[in-house]
Each structure stands twice: as structure tokens, then as C-alpha cells.
Protein backbone atom coordinates (compact mmCIF):
# COMPACT_ATOMS: atom_id res chain seq x y z
CA MET A 1 -28.41 -6.11 15.15
CA SER A 2 -31.87 -5.35 16.90
CA SER A 3 -32.20 -3.13 19.37
CA ARG A 4 -33.44 -5.83 21.42
CA GLY A 5 -31.37 -8.93 20.69
CA GLY A 6 -28.59 -5.73 21.89
CA GLY A 7 -30.81 -5.04 24.97
CA GLY A 8 -30.71 -9.22 25.98
CA ARG A 9 -27.48 -9.20 25.68
CA GLY A 10 -25.85 -5.51 27.68
CA GLY A 11 -27.76 -7.40 30.71
CA ARG A 12 -26.11 -10.80 30.63
CA GLY A 13 -22.98 -8.78 30.70
CA GLY A 14 -23.47 -5.61 32.17
CA HIS A 15 -21.78 -6.37 35.22
CA ARG A 16 -18.85 -7.87 33.57
CA ARG A 17 -15.50 -5.90 33.06
CA PRO A 18 -14.91 -5.00 29.21
CA PRO A 19 -11.82 -7.11 27.56
CA PRO A 20 -8.34 -5.60 27.27
CA ARG A 21 -7.75 -3.35 24.73
CA ILE A 22 -4.97 -4.88 22.34
CA PHE A 23 -4.18 -1.54 21.18
CA ASP A 24 -4.20 1.76 20.64
CA CYS A 25 -4.61 3.38 17.33
CA GLN A 26 -4.42 7.07 17.15
CA PHE A 27 -6.04 9.41 14.07
CA HIS A 28 -3.76 12.53 12.78
CA VAL A 29 -4.14 14.47 9.59
CA LYS A 30 -1.03 15.68 8.36
CA ASP A 31 0.89 15.49 5.11
CA CYS A 32 3.62 12.56 5.10
CA TYR A 33 5.57 13.65 2.53
CA GLY A 34 5.58 17.79 2.05
CA GLU A 35 6.83 17.99 5.98
CA SER A 36 8.24 16.00 8.29
CA ILE A 37 5.82 14.41 10.93
CA GLU A 38 8.15 13.98 14.22
CA ASP A 39 5.97 16.94 15.33
CA ILE A 40 2.75 14.39 16.54
CA ASP A 41 2.67 13.35 19.27
CA VAL A 42 2.94 10.04 19.70
CA VAL A 43 6.15 10.01 17.20
CA PRO A 44 8.26 10.60 19.58
CA GLN A 45 6.97 8.89 22.03
CA VAL A 46 7.24 5.97 20.39
CA GLY A 47 10.97 7.17 19.21
CA PHE A 48 12.03 9.24 15.77
CA GLU A 49 15.59 8.67 14.49
CA PRO A 50 16.06 6.06 16.83
CA GLY A 51 19.53 5.42 16.87
CA PRO A 52 23.49 3.54 18.75
CA ILE A 53 22.56 4.95 21.45
CA ASN A 54 18.37 5.52 21.60
CA ARG A 55 17.30 1.97 20.42
CA ARG A 56 13.68 3.15 20.26
CA GLY A 57 11.24 3.05 17.19
CA PHE A 58 8.29 1.85 15.09
CA ASP A 59 8.41 -2.04 14.40
CA VAL A 60 6.47 -1.85 11.24
CA VAL A 61 5.73 1.15 8.80
CA SER A 62 2.95 0.22 6.83
CA MET A 63 1.04 2.01 3.82
CA MET A 64 -1.87 1.21 1.71
CA PHE A 65 -2.54 2.34 -2.14
CA CYS A 66 -0.96 6.02 -1.21
CA MET A 67 2.22 5.69 -2.02
CA HIS A 68 2.48 7.00 -5.82
CA TYR A 69 1.26 10.29 -4.47
CA ALA A 70 5.18 10.54 -3.01
CA PHE A 71 6.01 10.30 -7.23
CA GLU A 72 5.46 13.41 -8.17
CA SER A 73 7.95 15.15 -7.12
CA GLU A 74 11.17 13.67 -5.82
CA GLU A 75 11.27 16.14 -2.90
CA LYS A 76 8.12 14.51 -2.00
CA ALA A 77 9.36 10.94 -2.83
CA ARG A 78 12.31 11.80 -0.17
CA THR A 79 9.99 13.23 2.47
CA MET A 80 8.33 10.49 2.52
CA LEU A 81 11.51 8.01 3.02
CA ARG A 82 12.68 10.26 5.24
CA ASN A 83 9.89 10.38 7.73
CA GLU A 84 9.68 6.05 7.48
CA LYS A 85 13.61 6.49 7.50
CA LYS A 86 13.56 7.73 11.12
CA ARG A 87 10.18 5.52 12.66
CA LEU A 88 11.57 2.54 11.96
CA LYS A 89 13.68 0.52 14.71
CA GLU A 90 16.90 -1.23 12.18
CA GLU A 91 16.13 -4.34 9.97
CA ASN A 92 12.97 -3.01 10.68
CA PRO A 93 10.12 -3.72 7.69
CA GLU A 94 7.78 -0.92 5.79
CA PRO A 95 5.17 -3.18 4.51
CA PRO A 96 2.70 -1.43 2.12
CA ALA A 97 0.88 -1.92 -1.31
CA GLU A 98 1.16 0.09 -3.89
CA ALA A 99 -0.54 0.57 -7.40
CA GLU A 100 2.20 -1.03 -10.55
CA ASP A 101 4.19 1.02 -12.72
CA GLY A 102 4.50 -1.46 -15.61
CA GLU A 103 6.18 -1.14 -18.42
CA LEU A 104 4.22 0.59 -21.82
CA GLU A 105 3.72 -1.55 -25.09
CA GLU A 106 4.84 0.00 -28.14
CA GLY A 107 1.55 0.51 -29.85
CA GLU A 108 0.33 1.62 -26.27
CA ALA A 109 2.97 4.60 -26.55
CA GLU A 110 1.08 6.77 -28.37
CA GLU A 111 -0.39 10.61 -27.16
CA THR A 112 -2.81 9.25 -25.24
CA ALA A 113 -2.02 6.31 -23.43
CA GLU A 114 -4.88 4.11 -22.65
CA TRP A 115 -5.60 0.55 -21.61
CA GLY A 116 -8.27 -1.40 -19.05
CA ASN A 117 -11.51 -3.43 -18.84
CA SER A 118 -14.57 -3.55 -16.99
CA ILE A 119 -13.37 -3.02 -13.68
CA TYR A 120 -10.35 -0.67 -13.78
CA ARG A 121 -9.42 1.77 -16.62
CA VAL A 122 -5.54 3.08 -16.87
CA ARG A 123 -5.48 6.64 -19.14
CA PHE A 124 -2.40 9.65 -19.73
CA PRO A 125 -3.26 12.89 -19.91
CA GLY A 126 -0.56 13.52 -22.52
CA LYS A 127 2.22 11.89 -24.54
CA THR A 128 3.89 8.87 -22.70
CA PRO A 129 7.37 7.10 -24.06
CA GLU A 130 7.88 5.14 -26.58
CA ASP A 131 10.16 3.54 -25.39
CA GLY A 132 8.05 2.63 -21.86
CA ILE A 133 10.69 3.77 -19.32
CA PHE A 134 9.16 6.88 -17.96
CA ARG A 135 12.49 9.49 -17.04
CA PRO A 136 12.30 11.73 -14.95
CA ALA A 137 11.36 9.30 -12.68
CA PHE A 138 9.08 11.79 -11.86
CA GLY A 139 6.22 13.77 -12.07
CA TRP A 140 4.15 11.17 -14.93
CA LYS A 141 0.87 11.58 -13.76
CA TYR A 142 -2.06 9.85 -14.79
CA ASN A 143 -5.72 9.20 -14.43
CA PHE A 144 -6.94 5.58 -12.60
CA PHE A 145 -10.35 4.52 -12.26
CA LEU A 146 -11.41 1.35 -10.25
CA ASP A 147 -15.23 0.27 -10.53
CA GLU A 148 -17.48 1.40 -7.09
CA ALA A 149 -13.70 2.70 -5.97
CA VAL A 150 -12.16 5.57 -7.51
CA GLU A 151 -13.50 7.27 -9.67
CA GLU A 152 -10.33 9.27 -12.58
CA VAL A 153 -8.36 9.77 -9.23
CA PRO A 154 -4.60 11.76 -10.73
CA GLU A 155 -2.14 9.67 -9.98
CA TYR A 156 1.61 9.28 -10.60
CA VAL A 157 3.81 6.92 -12.14
CA VAL A 158 6.20 5.06 -9.89
CA PRO A 159 9.15 3.76 -11.25
CA TRP A 160 9.95 0.71 -9.52
CA GLU A 161 13.72 0.69 -10.16
CA ALA A 162 14.20 4.43 -9.62
CA PHE A 163 12.13 4.30 -6.38
CA ARG A 164 14.89 1.11 -5.24
CA ALA A 165 17.68 2.98 -5.21
CA LEU A 166 16.19 5.82 -3.52
CA ALA A 167 15.17 3.93 -0.81
CA GLU A 168 18.92 2.91 -1.47
CA ASP A 169 20.00 6.43 0.17
CA PHE A 170 17.86 6.26 3.06
CA ASN A 171 19.44 2.35 4.16
CA LEU A 172 16.10 1.06 3.01
CA GLU A 173 16.85 -2.81 1.31
CA LEU A 174 13.83 -4.57 -0.82
CA GLN A 175 12.95 -7.77 0.78
CA TYR A 176 9.95 -8.76 -2.20
CA GLN A 177 7.69 -7.09 -4.69
CA LYS A 178 5.20 -9.05 -6.34
CA ASN A 179 1.82 -7.60 -7.60
CA PHE A 180 -1.49 -9.27 -6.05
CA MET A 181 -1.85 -12.45 -8.76
CA ASP A 182 1.47 -12.87 -7.52
CA VAL A 183 0.61 -13.05 -3.20
CA TRP A 184 -1.66 -14.51 -4.44
CA ASN A 185 -0.79 -17.36 -5.35
CA SER A 186 1.54 -18.03 -2.92
CA GLU A 187 -0.23 -17.46 -0.47
CA LYS A 188 -4.00 -18.73 -1.16
CA ASP A 189 -3.02 -21.97 1.27
CA ASP A 190 -1.89 -20.42 4.25
CA PRO A 191 -3.11 -22.35 7.13
CA THR A 192 -4.20 -18.64 8.25
CA LEU A 193 -5.19 -16.85 5.37
CA GLY A 194 -6.38 -19.32 3.50
CA PRO A 195 -9.63 -20.19 5.37
CA LEU A 196 -9.49 -16.39 6.04
CA SER A 197 -9.65 -16.40 2.04
CA GLU A 198 -12.64 -18.71 1.87
CA ARG A 199 -14.48 -16.89 4.45
CA MET A 200 -14.64 -13.24 2.42
CA GLY A 201 -15.37 -15.39 -0.40
CA VAL A 202 -12.37 -14.60 -2.66
CA ARG A 203 -12.38 -18.15 -3.18
CA GLU A 204 -14.67 -21.69 -2.65
CA ARG A 205 -15.19 -23.51 0.58
CA GLY A 206 -12.09 -26.83 1.36
CA GLY A 207 -9.29 -24.45 -1.15
CA GLY A 208 -10.95 -24.30 -3.91
CA ASP A 209 -11.82 -22.82 -6.76
CA LEU A 210 -11.24 -19.38 -7.07
CA LEU A 211 -14.33 -17.39 -6.87
CA VAL A 212 -13.17 -13.53 -8.69
CA SER A 213 -13.59 -12.67 -12.07
CA PRO A 214 -11.19 -12.66 -15.35
CA ASP A 215 -10.86 -8.48 -15.48
CA GLU A 216 -11.33 -8.72 -11.25
CA GLN A 217 -7.64 -10.69 -11.57
CA GLU A 218 -6.05 -8.52 -13.87
CA ALA A 219 -7.55 -5.83 -12.12
CA ALA A 220 -5.50 -7.07 -9.72
CA SER A 221 -2.49 -7.50 -11.15
CA PHE A 222 -2.12 -3.83 -11.44
CA TYR A 223 -0.64 -3.46 -8.04
CA ILE A 224 2.64 -5.15 -5.98
CA ALA A 225 2.84 -5.93 -2.27
CA PHE A 226 6.46 -4.82 -1.51
CA CYS A 227 8.39 -4.71 1.64
CA PHE A 228 11.26 -3.29 3.01
CA TYR A 229 14.23 -3.72 5.65
CA LYS A 230 15.56 -0.56 7.25
CA VAL A 231 19.26 -2.00 7.65
């Protein structure tokens, strides 16, 4: 936007009231996997550990591309889930999006398993399970590369059933789990999300073809979306 254009708009609207704020946004630096978050001011204000008497709490807890770091250890995973449980009201969702722990094929279960394409790459620095099942469930580090986004960052495998069972210990019940391409296929014709995907250049106008390359689709399928409810 040019300064001239901005100035003109400012002059015409200089006496107008600013639009009302739709929501309040705060940012805090905290290790959510290593310590409790109850000392962050806004958390006790909204509600921490709601119960039958105290019905306050957060309606939704959302995590984007970060949950797998908690699987460095069981202690970190439990701290993460404890922080989520204590913030949520009952029967409210926690809808994160995370990296998927696909089972390794027999041919990939070598000393340094690696796969990917021109968009992404997964590389295990050490030996992986021959049967593709990660035991114990914590501490399985791999390096991840995503073109123009992630440069060989160390991440951790999340064995899905181990995570689901651990979440049940905190009264978090699984509602759904889908990889990103399955989410696309089920939501692409949604009256709101469909037109949004066209404006974002994901698909052609008028409900046309997907404008995403096969390599990009494969990379997207490495991620999953899932939702738990507090019960």
C-alpha cells in the first residue's frame, strides 16, 4: 500500500471510530512441556483446572506443528497433556495438527532409514525398529526437512496408539484422526472452506482441479489433524 493511498484513506476516515476488537491476543514465552503454565496471568483469569464448582476454563486448546516435540520423554508428554487438561472445560476440544508417525516399511528399517521427495525428507540418525513399531514410545528422534520451511530440525516420532492411551489417562477422548489429504478430500466442498481454498490458490476457481503437485500432496500426507474432547 502506498503512503499516498494510506494517507488519503486516513484523511477520509480520520473521525471514524476504530472497529471493535473481535478478540484479545496475548503472547507468552513458556516451556509448556517442561513446566506448568498456571503462573501465566491470563491462564488463572480464564480458568485453570475447572471442576464441578469452578466451571471456568478454555473452550479450545489448539496446537500447530509442535506436539511431537513433547515425545522426547514420557515426562514431557505427560506435562503437555496435564497443561491441556487443566485449561479445558469439560466436553471441549483440543484440535492440533501434527506430524504423523507412519510405520516403516521392511525395506526402510535399516540403520539409517531415510525417505522423502523434492519437498520433504525424513532421516533417522540411528537404527530403527525392524518391525516399524517404536518401543518404548518416547525418545525416537529423526531429522525433518521441508522445502522453504524446515531445515533438518530434530523431531520425535509419536506412536499414535501410545499417545491415544496416554491422553485417556487425562480424560481426553479421541474424536477423529485424519492425514491432511483426507481432511482436504472431506472438506474441499464445504461452503466456507471450499471458496477459501480457491482464494488461497489451492484449487482452480469454480471447484476445479487441485493446484498442488504430487510431491506436495505426499508431503502434506505426512501430517495429521486430530481432535480430542475432555470428558
